[in-house]
């Protein structure tokens, strides 16, 4: 049992969250969002991220989080065909990610 737990812990720590963006879309893991549907980008401190993952979380939100990364960004979604109100993405470099998405 301990070996399985340690194995899962190792795998979770070693699997990066791949975040990519180009002029058309934002890709986080296998999820895709056209940039024209991004209406807002907000950097989140560790405390804000904790609240956004927990008591303030919207069950319809897309969560691309890693529990060991304390900060991140909130990406507001305005696609009328998508019930997802926002994406919550863990990032140690939230401001750099926002700058890249704002360009």
N, C-alpha and C. Protein backbone atom coordinates (compact mmCIF):
# COMPACT_ATOMS: atom_id res chain seq x y z
N UNK A 1 0.82 -1.19 0.00
CA UNK A 1 0.00 0.00 0.00
C UNK A 1 0.87 1.26 0.00
N UNK A 2 1.89 1.29 0.82
CA UNK A 2 2.79 2.43 0.88
C UNK A 2 3.53 2.59 -0.45
N UNK A 3 3.92 1.48 -1.05
CA UNK A 3 4.62 1.53 -2.35
C UNK A 3 3.71 2.13 -3.40
N UNK A 4 2.44 1.75 -3.40
CA UNK A 4 1.49 2.30 -4.38
C UNK A 4 1.32 3.80 -4.17
N UNK A 5 1.18 4.20 -2.92
CA UNK A 5 1.03 5.62 -2.63
C UNK A 5 2.25 6.41 -3.10
N UNK A 6 3.43 5.92 -2.80
CA UNK A 6 4.65 6.60 -3.21
C UNK A 6 4.76 6.64 -4.74
N UNK A 7 4.35 5.57 -5.39
CA UNK A 7 4.36 5.54 -6.85
C UNK A 7 3.42 6.58 -7.44
N UNK A 8 2.22 6.67 -6.90
CA UNK A 8 1.27 7.68 -7.37
C UNK A 8 1.76 9.10 -7.09
N UNK A 9 2.36 9.29 -5.94
CA UNK A 9 2.91 10.59 -5.60
C UNK A 9 4.02 10.98 -6.58
N UNK A 10 4.90 10.04 -6.89
CA UNK A 10 5.97 10.29 -7.85
C UNK A 10 5.40 10.63 -9.22
N UNK A 11 4.41 9.87 -9.68
CA UNK A 11 3.82 10.13 -10.99
C UNK A 11 3.14 11.49 -11.05
N UNK A 12 2.44 11.85 -9.98
CA UNK A 12 1.76 13.14 -9.99
C UNK A 12 2.76 14.29 -10.00
N UNK A 13 3.90 14.11 -9.34
CA UNK A 13 4.92 15.15 -9.31
C UNK A 13 5.70 15.24 -10.62
N UNK A 14 5.77 14.14 -11.34
CA UNK A 14 6.60 14.11 -12.54
C UNK A 14 5.82 14.40 -13.82
N UNK A 15 4.50 14.54 -13.74
CA UNK A 15 3.72 14.82 -14.94
C UNK A 15 3.47 16.32 -15.03
N UNK A 16 4.12 16.99 -15.97
CA UNK A 16 3.93 18.43 -16.09
C UNK A 16 2.57 18.77 -16.69
N UNK A 17 2.11 19.94 -16.38
CA UNK A 17 0.88 20.45 -16.97
C UNK A 17 1.31 21.29 -18.17
N UNK A 18 1.07 20.78 -19.36
CA UNK A 18 1.52 21.45 -20.57
C UNK A 18 0.54 22.56 -20.95
N UNK A 19 1.03 23.79 -20.93
CA UNK A 19 0.24 24.96 -21.29
C UNK A 19 0.87 25.58 -22.53
N UNK A 20 0.08 25.70 -23.60
CA UNK A 20 0.56 26.27 -24.85
C UNK A 20 -0.45 27.29 -25.35
N UNK A 21 0.04 28.29 -26.07
CA UNK A 21 -0.86 29.27 -26.68
C UNK A 21 -0.26 29.72 -28.00
N UNK A 22 -1.13 29.95 -28.96
CA UNK A 22 -0.71 30.57 -30.20
C UNK A 22 -1.72 31.67 -30.51
N UNK A 23 -1.71 32.19 -31.70
CA UNK A 23 -2.61 33.31 -32.01
C UNK A 23 -4.07 32.89 -32.11
N UNK A 24 -4.36 31.59 -32.13
CA UNK A 24 -5.74 31.11 -32.26
C UNK A 24 -6.33 30.54 -30.98
N UNK A 25 -5.51 29.81 -30.20
CA UNK A 25 -6.10 29.11 -29.06
C UNK A 25 -5.13 28.93 -27.90
N UNK A 26 -5.72 28.65 -26.76
CA UNK A 26 -5.01 28.28 -25.54
C UNK A 26 -5.23 26.78 -25.36
N UNK A 27 -4.13 26.05 -25.11
CA UNK A 27 -4.21 24.62 -24.87
C UNK A 27 -3.61 24.33 -23.49
N UNK A 28 -4.39 23.62 -22.68
CA UNK A 28 -3.92 23.20 -21.37
C UNK A 28 -4.20 21.71 -21.29
N UNK A 29 -3.13 20.92 -21.31
CA UNK A 29 -3.30 19.48 -21.42
C UNK A 29 -4.00 19.18 -22.73
N UNK A 30 -5.09 18.46 -22.71
CA UNK A 30 -5.83 18.15 -23.94
C UNK A 30 -7.00 19.11 -24.18
N UNK A 31 -7.23 20.06 -23.26
CA UNK A 31 -8.32 21.02 -23.42
C UNK A 31 -7.89 22.18 -24.32
N UNK A 32 -8.84 22.70 -25.07
CA UNK A 32 -8.57 23.80 -26.00
C UNK A 32 -9.63 24.88 -25.84
N UNK A 33 -9.17 26.13 -25.93
CA UNK A 33 -10.07 27.28 -25.84
C UNK A 33 -9.63 28.30 -26.88
N UNK A 34 -10.55 28.66 -27.77
CA UNK A 34 -10.22 29.68 -28.76
C UNK A 34 -10.01 31.01 -28.04
N UNK A 35 -8.97 31.72 -28.43
CA UNK A 35 -8.61 32.96 -27.74
C UNK A 35 -9.69 34.03 -27.86
N UNK A 36 -10.51 33.96 -28.90
CA UNK A 36 -11.57 34.96 -29.05
C UNK A 36 -12.62 34.85 -27.94
N UNK A 37 -12.65 33.72 -27.23
CA UNK A 37 -13.60 33.52 -26.14
C UNK A 37 -13.00 33.82 -24.76
N UNK A 38 -11.77 34.30 -24.72
CA UNK A 38 -11.15 34.69 -23.45
C UNK A 38 -11.49 36.16 -23.19
N UNK A 39 -12.24 36.40 -22.12
CA UNK A 39 -12.65 37.78 -21.83
C UNK A 39 -11.87 38.41 -20.69
N UNK A 40 -11.12 37.62 -19.95
CA UNK A 40 -10.36 38.18 -18.85
C UNK A 40 -9.31 37.22 -18.34
N UNK A 41 -8.21 37.78 -17.86
CA UNK A 41 -7.10 37.00 -17.30
C UNK A 41 -6.73 37.62 -15.96
N UNK A 42 -6.76 36.83 -14.90
CA UNK A 42 -6.48 37.34 -13.57
C UNK A 42 -5.41 36.48 -12.90
N UNK A 43 -4.29 37.10 -12.48
CA UNK A 43 -3.31 36.34 -11.70
C UNK A 43 -3.85 36.12 -10.29
N UNK A 44 -3.57 34.97 -9.73
CA UNK A 44 -4.07 34.64 -8.39
C UNK A 44 -2.90 34.36 -7.45
N UNK A 45 -2.93 34.98 -6.29
CA UNK A 45 -1.95 34.71 -5.25
C UNK A 45 -2.25 33.33 -4.65
N UNK A 46 -1.39 32.88 -3.77
CA UNK A 46 -1.60 31.57 -3.14
C UNK A 46 -2.93 31.54 -2.39
N UNK A 47 -3.26 32.60 -1.66
CA UNK A 47 -4.52 32.65 -0.91
C UNK A 47 -5.72 32.69 -1.85
N UNK A 48 -5.64 33.50 -2.90
CA UNK A 48 -6.73 33.58 -3.88
C UNK A 48 -6.92 32.25 -4.60
N UNK A 49 -5.82 31.59 -4.92
CA UNK A 49 -5.89 30.30 -5.61
C UNK A 49 -6.54 29.25 -4.70
N UNK A 50 -6.16 29.27 -3.42
CA UNK A 50 -6.75 28.31 -2.46
C UNK A 50 -8.26 28.50 -2.38
N UNK A 51 -8.69 29.75 -2.32
CA UNK A 51 -10.13 30.03 -2.25
C UNK A 51 -10.84 29.65 -3.56
N UNK A 52 -10.18 29.93 -4.69
CA UNK A 52 -10.78 29.62 -6.00
C UNK A 52 -10.91 28.11 -6.21
N UNK A 53 -10.01 27.33 -5.63
CA UNK A 53 -10.09 25.87 -5.73
C UNK A 53 -11.08 25.28 -4.75
N UNK A 54 -11.36 26.01 -3.68
CA UNK A 54 -12.18 25.47 -2.60
C UNK A 54 -13.52 26.15 -2.46
N UNK A 55 -13.67 27.01 -1.44
CA UNK A 55 -14.99 27.53 -1.12
C UNK A 55 -15.62 28.42 -2.20
N UNK A 56 -14.82 29.03 -3.05
CA UNK A 56 -15.38 29.90 -4.09
C UNK A 56 -15.46 29.22 -5.45
N UNK A 57 -15.16 27.94 -5.51
CA UNK A 57 -15.13 27.22 -6.79
C UNK A 57 -16.51 27.08 -7.40
N UNK A 58 -16.55 27.23 -8.71
CA UNK A 58 -17.78 26.99 -9.47
C UNK A 58 -17.67 25.55 -10.00
N UNK A 59 -18.64 24.70 -9.75
CA UNK A 59 -18.54 23.30 -10.19
C UNK A 59 -18.46 23.14 -11.71
N UNK A 60 -18.85 24.16 -12.46
CA UNK A 60 -18.79 24.08 -13.92
C UNK A 60 -17.45 24.54 -14.49
N UNK A 61 -16.56 25.03 -13.63
CA UNK A 61 -15.26 25.54 -14.09
C UNK A 61 -14.35 24.39 -14.52
N UNK A 62 -13.42 24.72 -15.43
CA UNK A 62 -12.40 23.76 -15.85
C UNK A 62 -11.19 23.98 -14.96
N UNK A 63 -10.77 22.95 -14.24
CA UNK A 63 -9.65 23.06 -13.32
C UNK A 63 -8.45 22.31 -13.87
N UNK A 64 -7.40 23.05 -14.13
CA UNK A 64 -6.12 22.46 -14.55
C UNK A 64 -5.13 22.84 -13.46
N UNK A 65 -5.25 22.15 -12.33
CA UNK A 65 -4.47 22.54 -11.16
C UNK A 65 -3.56 21.41 -10.69
N UNK A 66 -2.48 21.82 -10.10
CA UNK A 66 -1.56 20.92 -9.42
C UNK A 66 -1.49 21.41 -7.98
N UNK A 67 -1.81 20.55 -7.04
CA UNK A 67 -1.93 20.97 -5.65
C UNK A 67 -0.64 21.51 -5.07
N UNK A 68 0.50 21.17 -5.62
CA UNK A 68 1.78 21.62 -5.09
C UNK A 68 2.22 22.97 -5.68
N UNK A 69 1.45 23.53 -6.62
CA UNK A 69 1.74 24.85 -7.17
C UNK A 69 0.73 25.82 -6.56
N UNK A 70 1.18 26.75 -5.71
CA UNK A 70 0.23 27.56 -4.94
C UNK A 70 -0.44 28.70 -5.71
N UNK A 71 0.14 29.16 -6.81
CA UNK A 71 -0.41 30.31 -7.53
C UNK A 71 -0.93 29.90 -8.90
N UNK A 72 -1.61 30.82 -9.58
CA UNK A 72 -2.12 30.48 -10.90
C UNK A 72 -2.85 31.64 -11.54
N UNK A 73 -3.65 31.32 -12.56
CA UNK A 73 -4.44 32.33 -13.23
C UNK A 73 -5.88 31.85 -13.41
N UNK A 74 -6.76 32.83 -13.52
CA UNK A 74 -8.16 32.55 -13.83
C UNK A 74 -8.42 33.12 -15.22
N UNK A 75 -8.92 32.28 -16.11
CA UNK A 75 -9.21 32.67 -17.49
C UNK A 75 -10.73 32.70 -17.64
N UNK A 76 -11.29 33.89 -17.81
CA UNK A 76 -12.74 34.04 -17.98
C UNK A 76 -13.13 33.60 -19.39
N UNK A 77 -14.19 32.81 -19.50
CA UNK A 77 -14.66 32.26 -20.79
C UNK A 77 -16.02 32.87 -21.13
N UNK A 78 -16.16 33.33 -22.39
CA UNK A 78 -17.42 33.94 -22.83
C UNK A 78 -18.02 33.25 -24.05
N UNK A 79 -17.72 31.98 -24.23
CA UNK A 79 -18.28 31.23 -25.35
C UNK A 79 -19.74 30.92 -25.04
N UNK A 80 -20.68 31.40 -25.86
CA UNK A 80 -22.10 31.16 -25.57
C UNK A 80 -22.50 29.68 -25.67
N UNK A 81 -21.69 28.87 -26.32
CA UNK A 81 -21.99 27.44 -26.46
C UNK A 81 -21.27 26.59 -25.42
N UNK A 82 -20.53 27.23 -24.53
CA UNK A 82 -19.74 26.50 -23.53
C UNK A 82 -20.23 26.90 -22.14
N UNK A 83 -20.72 25.94 -21.34
CA UNK A 83 -21.20 26.28 -20.00
C UNK A 83 -20.08 26.56 -18.99
N UNK A 84 -18.83 26.40 -19.41
CA UNK A 84 -17.70 26.63 -18.52
C UNK A 84 -17.50 28.13 -18.31
N UNK A 85 -17.63 28.62 -17.07
CA UNK A 85 -17.50 30.07 -16.84
C UNK A 85 -16.05 30.55 -16.84
N UNK A 86 -15.14 29.68 -16.41
CA UNK A 86 -13.73 30.06 -16.37
C UNK A 86 -12.85 28.82 -16.28
N UNK A 87 -11.58 29.03 -16.61
CA UNK A 87 -10.56 28.01 -16.40
C UNK A 87 -9.68 28.48 -15.26
N UNK A 88 -9.30 27.57 -14.38
CA UNK A 88 -8.37 27.85 -13.30
C UNK A 88 -7.12 27.02 -13.58
N UNK A 89 -6.00 27.71 -13.78
CA UNK A 89 -4.77 27.04 -14.20
C UNK A 89 -3.66 27.31 -13.19
N UNK A 90 -3.05 26.26 -12.67
CA UNK A 90 -1.90 26.42 -11.78
C UNK A 90 -0.71 26.90 -12.59
N UNK A 91 0.03 27.85 -12.01
CA UNK A 91 1.22 28.35 -12.69
C UNK A 91 2.13 29.04 -11.68
N UNK A 92 3.39 28.70 -11.73
CA UNK A 92 4.38 29.39 -10.91
C UNK A 92 4.75 30.73 -11.54
N UNK A 93 4.43 30.89 -12.83
CA UNK A 93 4.77 32.11 -13.57
C UNK A 93 3.50 32.72 -14.15
N UNK A 94 2.56 33.05 -13.27
CA UNK A 94 1.24 33.54 -13.70
C UNK A 94 1.34 34.81 -14.53
N UNK A 95 2.17 35.76 -14.09
CA UNK A 95 2.26 37.02 -14.83
C UNK A 95 2.86 36.82 -16.22
N UNK A 96 3.83 35.93 -16.34
CA UNK A 96 4.41 35.65 -17.66
C UNK A 96 3.38 34.97 -18.57
N UNK A 97 2.58 34.09 -18.01
CA UNK A 97 1.54 33.42 -18.79
C UNK A 97 0.50 34.43 -19.26
N UNK A 98 0.10 35.33 -18.39
CA UNK A 98 -0.87 36.37 -18.77
C UNK A 98 -0.28 37.27 -19.85
N UNK A 99 0.99 37.66 -19.72
CA UNK A 99 1.62 38.48 -20.74
C UNK A 99 1.63 37.78 -22.09
N UNK A 100 1.91 36.47 -22.08
CA UNK A 100 1.93 35.71 -23.33
C UNK A 100 0.52 35.63 -23.95
N UNK A 101 -0.49 35.48 -23.12
CA UNK A 101 -1.85 35.38 -23.64
C UNK A 101 -2.42 36.74 -24.06
N UNK A 102 -1.86 37.81 -23.51
CA UNK A 102 -2.33 39.15 -23.85
C UNK A 102 -1.68 39.69 -25.12
N UNK A 103 -0.61 39.06 -25.55
CA UNK A 103 0.12 39.55 -26.74
C UNK A 103 -0.66 39.30 -28.02
